[in-house]
Protein backbone atom coordinates (compact mmCIF):
# COMPACT_ATOMS: atom_id res chain seq x y z
CA MET A 1 6.60 3.82 -12.43
CA SER A 2 5.47 7.60 -13.19
CA TYR A 3 5.00 10.15 -10.36
CA GLY A 4 1.48 10.20 -10.72
CA GLN A 5 0.97 6.41 -10.38
CA LEU A 6 3.36 6.29 -7.45
CA GLY A 7 0.72 9.11 -5.77
CA GLN A 8 -2.11 7.02 -6.93
CA LEU A 9 -0.52 3.78 -5.26
CA ALA A 10 0.18 5.15 -2.13
CA GLY A 11 -3.78 6.48 -2.18
CA GLN A 12 -4.95 2.66 -2.78
CA ILE A 13 -2.74 1.87 0.02
CA ASP A 14 -3.51 4.54 2.19
CA ARG A 15 -7.53 3.30 1.66
CA LYS A 16 -7.10 -0.12 2.30
CA CYS A 17 -5.34 0.42 5.12
CA LEU A 18 -8.17 3.09 6.36
CA ALA A 19 -10.45 0.96 5.28
CA GLN A 20 -9.18 -2.42 7.75
CA GLY A 21 -9.94 -0.09 10.72
CA TYR A 22 -6.42 1.98 10.80
CA ALA A 23 -6.29 5.38 12.18
CA LEU A 24 -3.94 7.96 10.48
CA ASP A 25 -0.88 8.06 12.03
CA THR A 26 -0.90 4.66 14.56
CA PRO A 27 1.44 2.78 14.87
CA GLU A 28 -1.04 0.13 13.63
CA TYR A 29 -1.75 2.35 10.23
CA LYS A 30 1.97 2.86 9.36
CA ALA A 31 2.46 -0.71 10.01
CA CYS A 32 0.22 -1.78 7.55
CA THR A 33 1.17 0.62 5.29
CA LEU A 34 4.85 -1.21 5.28
CA GLU A 35 3.23 -4.38 4.30
CA GLU A 36 1.21 -3.10 1.73
CA ILE A 37 4.21 -1.85 -0.05
CA SER A 38 6.09 -4.69 0.66
CA ARG A 39 3.37 -6.76 -0.90
CA GLU A 40 3.38 -4.86 -3.39
CA GLN A 41 6.99 -4.65 -4.42
CA TYR A 42 6.87 -8.41 -4.49
CA ALA A 43 4.34 -8.78 -6.65
CA ARG A 44 6.03 -6.28 -9.16
CA GLN A 45 9.25 -8.33 -8.82
CA THR A 46 8.01 -11.87 -9.13
CA GLY A 47 5.07 -10.48 -11.59
CA SER A 48 2.37 -11.54 -9.84
CA GLU A 49 -0.97 -9.45 -9.59
CA SER A 50 -0.97 -6.98 -7.12
CA SER A 51 -3.27 -7.08 -4.54
CA LEU A 52 -4.59 -3.81 -5.10
């Protein structure tokens, strides 16, 4: 994944967690981002489609 693609993915994860109602820099927001990153990594490793 290129640097630009990583930036886009980070933006998608950020928007997804904010859309779920989590405020920036809260424990809930951080947990959401970690969960979404783990989900994305799993999807890439197993070859399944990403949810983003």
